[in-house]
């Protein structure tokens, strides 16, 4: 990747995240977040959620993989942030994906002095944004 070849508005790619309940269990174990809204259907509905939902940080982390793949080096991502707008319900489909999240990335801004690119991510489930202002700053050689 060469900074001189980048342009604002340039697409960096797309990614489809197929999320299963097994993914949520694995993430809970890795993160230590065992909140029952992420694994217990009855509990999630009792607190007025549409069912079991993915961890917000799981969704955020899985979405930025598009950026790290594009950059070729996770250490090139110098900052990343987002706002959560909607939960990601994950249906119980016996190991099959219970949710399919679409991620696309575009170069939103370039800083020639710092040699960084701001990548704007669009993260949607069934056409609705689940993350907004998902932006990563990437150091470019």
Protein backbone atom coordinates (compact mmCIF):
# COMPACT_ATOMS: atom_id res chain seq x y z
CA UNK A 1 0.00 0.00 0.00
CA UNK A 2 1.45 3.32 -1.11
CA UNK A 3 0.10 6.57 0.39
CA UNK A 4 0.41 8.38 -2.98
CA UNK A 5 -1.98 5.85 -4.57
CA UNK A 6 -4.78 6.40 -2.03
CA UNK A 7 -7.75 8.71 -2.59
CA UNK A 8 -10.60 9.95 -0.45
CA UNK A 9 -13.72 7.97 -1.33
CA UNK A 10 -11.74 4.91 -2.41
CA UNK A 11 -13.28 1.64 -1.28
CA UNK A 12 -11.05 -0.75 0.66
CA UNK A 13 -13.34 -3.77 0.40
CA UNK A 14 -16.24 -5.61 1.97
CA UNK A 15 -16.62 -8.45 4.42
CA UNK A 16 -19.51 -10.64 5.54
CA UNK A 17 -19.60 -11.66 9.20
CA UNK A 18 -21.54 -14.86 9.78
CA UNK A 19 -22.19 -15.01 13.52
CA UNK A 20 -23.42 -18.12 15.33
CA UNK A 21 -24.33 -18.71 18.95
CA UNK A 22 -21.12 -20.76 19.22
CA UNK A 23 -19.16 -17.61 18.29
CA UNK A 24 -20.83 -15.78 21.19
CA UNK A 25 -19.92 -18.55 23.64
CA UNK A 26 -16.30 -18.48 22.46
CA UNK A 27 -16.18 -14.70 22.76
CA UNK A 28 -17.70 -14.81 26.25
CA UNK A 29 -14.96 -17.20 27.34
CA UNK A 30 -12.20 -15.08 25.81
CA UNK A 31 -13.53 -11.75 27.10
CA UNK A 32 -14.97 -12.83 30.44
CA UNK A 33 -18.32 -11.24 29.52
CA UNK A 34 -20.87 -13.87 30.56
CA UNK A 35 -23.88 -11.53 30.62
CA UNK A 36 -26.89 -13.80 29.97
CA UNK A 37 -28.21 -11.51 27.20
CA UNK A 38 -25.47 -13.07 25.07
CA UNK A 39 -26.46 -16.71 25.61
CA UNK A 40 -29.84 -17.08 27.38
CA UNK A 41 -32.88 -16.54 25.13
CA UNK A 42 -35.39 -16.39 28.01
CA UNK A 43 -33.35 -13.83 29.95
CA UNK A 44 -32.73 -11.67 26.86
CA UNK A 45 -36.47 -11.53 26.12
CA UNK A 46 -37.28 -10.77 29.78
CA UNK A 47 -35.16 -7.62 29.53
CA UNK A 48 -37.01 -6.67 26.33
CA UNK A 49 -34.36 -7.60 23.80
CA UNK A 50 -35.36 -9.35 20.56
CA UNK A 51 -33.46 -12.45 21.74
CA UNK A 52 -29.83 -13.30 22.36
CA UNK A 53 -27.59 -10.52 21.04
CA UNK A 54 -23.93 -10.40 20.05
CA UNK A 55 -21.52 -8.62 22.36
CA UNK A 56 -21.01 -5.08 21.13
CA UNK A 57 -17.26 -5.43 21.41
CA UNK A 58 -17.41 -8.68 19.41
CA UNK A 59 -19.21 -6.86 16.59
CA UNK A 60 -16.80 -3.93 16.79
CA UNK A 61 -13.74 -6.17 16.78
CA UNK A 62 -14.98 -8.39 13.95
CA UNK A 63 -15.79 -5.33 11.81
CA UNK A 64 -12.30 -3.81 12.07
CA UNK A 65 -10.79 -7.00 10.67
CA UNK A 66 -11.59 -5.56 7.23
CA UNK A 67 -9.24 -2.66 8.01
CA UNK A 68 -6.43 -4.79 9.40
CA UNK A 69 -6.62 -7.09 6.37
CA UNK A 70 -6.44 -4.07 4.05
CA UNK A 71 -3.55 -2.52 5.98
CA UNK A 72 -1.67 -5.81 6.07
CA UNK A 73 -0.56 -5.19 9.65
CA UNK A 74 -2.81 -4.84 12.74
CA UNK A 75 -0.20 -2.52 14.29
CA UNK A 76 -0.83 -0.01 11.49
CA UNK A 77 -4.24 0.76 13.04
CA UNK A 78 -3.43 3.61 15.42
CA UNK A 79 -7.00 4.30 16.58
CA UNK A 80 -10.48 2.88 16.21
CA UNK A 81 -13.83 3.93 17.59
CA UNK A 82 -17.54 3.60 16.99
CA UNK A 83 -21.00 4.15 18.40
CA UNK A 84 -23.40 1.26 18.86
CA UNK A 85 -26.86 1.90 17.41
CA UNK A 86 -28.73 -1.41 17.29
CA UNK A 87 -28.22 -4.83 18.83
CA UNK A 88 -27.25 -7.78 16.65
CA UNK A 89 -29.74 -10.58 17.43
CA UNK A 90 -28.25 -14.02 16.83
CA UNK A 91 -30.82 -16.77 16.23
CA UNK A 92 -30.18 -20.30 17.48
CA UNK A 93 -29.66 -22.29 14.28
CA UNK A 94 -27.66 -25.32 15.51
CA UNK A 95 -24.24 -23.89 14.68
CA UNK A 96 -25.28 -22.20 11.45
CA UNK A 97 -24.98 -18.41 11.26
CA UNK A 98 -27.77 -16.83 13.25
CA UNK A 99 -26.87 -13.33 12.04
CA UNK A 100 -25.14 -12.01 8.94
CA UNK A 101 -23.50 -8.61 9.29
CA UNK A 102 -22.16 -6.76 6.25
CA UNK A 103 -19.07 -4.56 6.55
CA UNK A 104 -17.69 -2.19 3.92
CA UNK A 105 -14.89 0.33 4.17
CA UNK A 106 -14.07 3.58 2.43
CA UNK A 107 -11.21 6.03 2.81
CA UNK A 108 -12.87 9.01 4.48
CA UNK A 109 -9.85 11.28 4.83
CA UNK A 110 -6.12 11.38 4.21
CA UNK A 111 -3.49 13.22 6.25
CA UNK A 112 -0.35 13.68 4.14
CA UNK A 113 1.67 15.09 7.05
CA UNK A 114 0.94 12.20 9.41
CA UNK A 115 0.71 9.74 6.49
CA UNK A 116 -2.54 8.30 7.81
CA UNK A 117 -5.83 7.30 6.27
CA UNK A 118 -9.14 7.48 8.09
CA UNK A 119 -11.22 4.47 7.14
CA UNK A 120 -14.98 4.80 7.52
CA UNK A 121 -16.80 1.52 8.03
CA UNK A 122 -20.44 0.82 7.20
CA UNK A 123 -21.65 -2.04 9.41
CA UNK A 124 -25.18 -3.31 8.77
CA UNK A 125 -27.57 -6.12 9.62
CA UNK A 126 -30.52 -6.56 7.27
CA UNK A 127 -29.76 -3.16 5.76
CA UNK A 128 -29.83 -1.33 9.12
CA UNK A 129 -26.72 0.22 10.65
CA UNK A 130 -25.59 -1.50 13.84
CA UNK A 131 -22.49 0.68 14.26
CA UNK A 132 -22.19 4.35 13.32
CA UNK A 133 -19.14 6.56 13.12
CA UNK A 134 -17.04 3.40 12.93
CA UNK A 135 -13.70 4.93 12.02
CA UNK A 136 -10.16 3.64 12.09
CA UNK A 137 -7.00 5.65 11.56
CA UNK A 138 -4.31 3.69 9.73
CA UNK A 139 -0.63 4.58 9.39
CA UNK A 140 0.42 4.16 5.77
CA UNK A 141 3.99 3.62 4.55
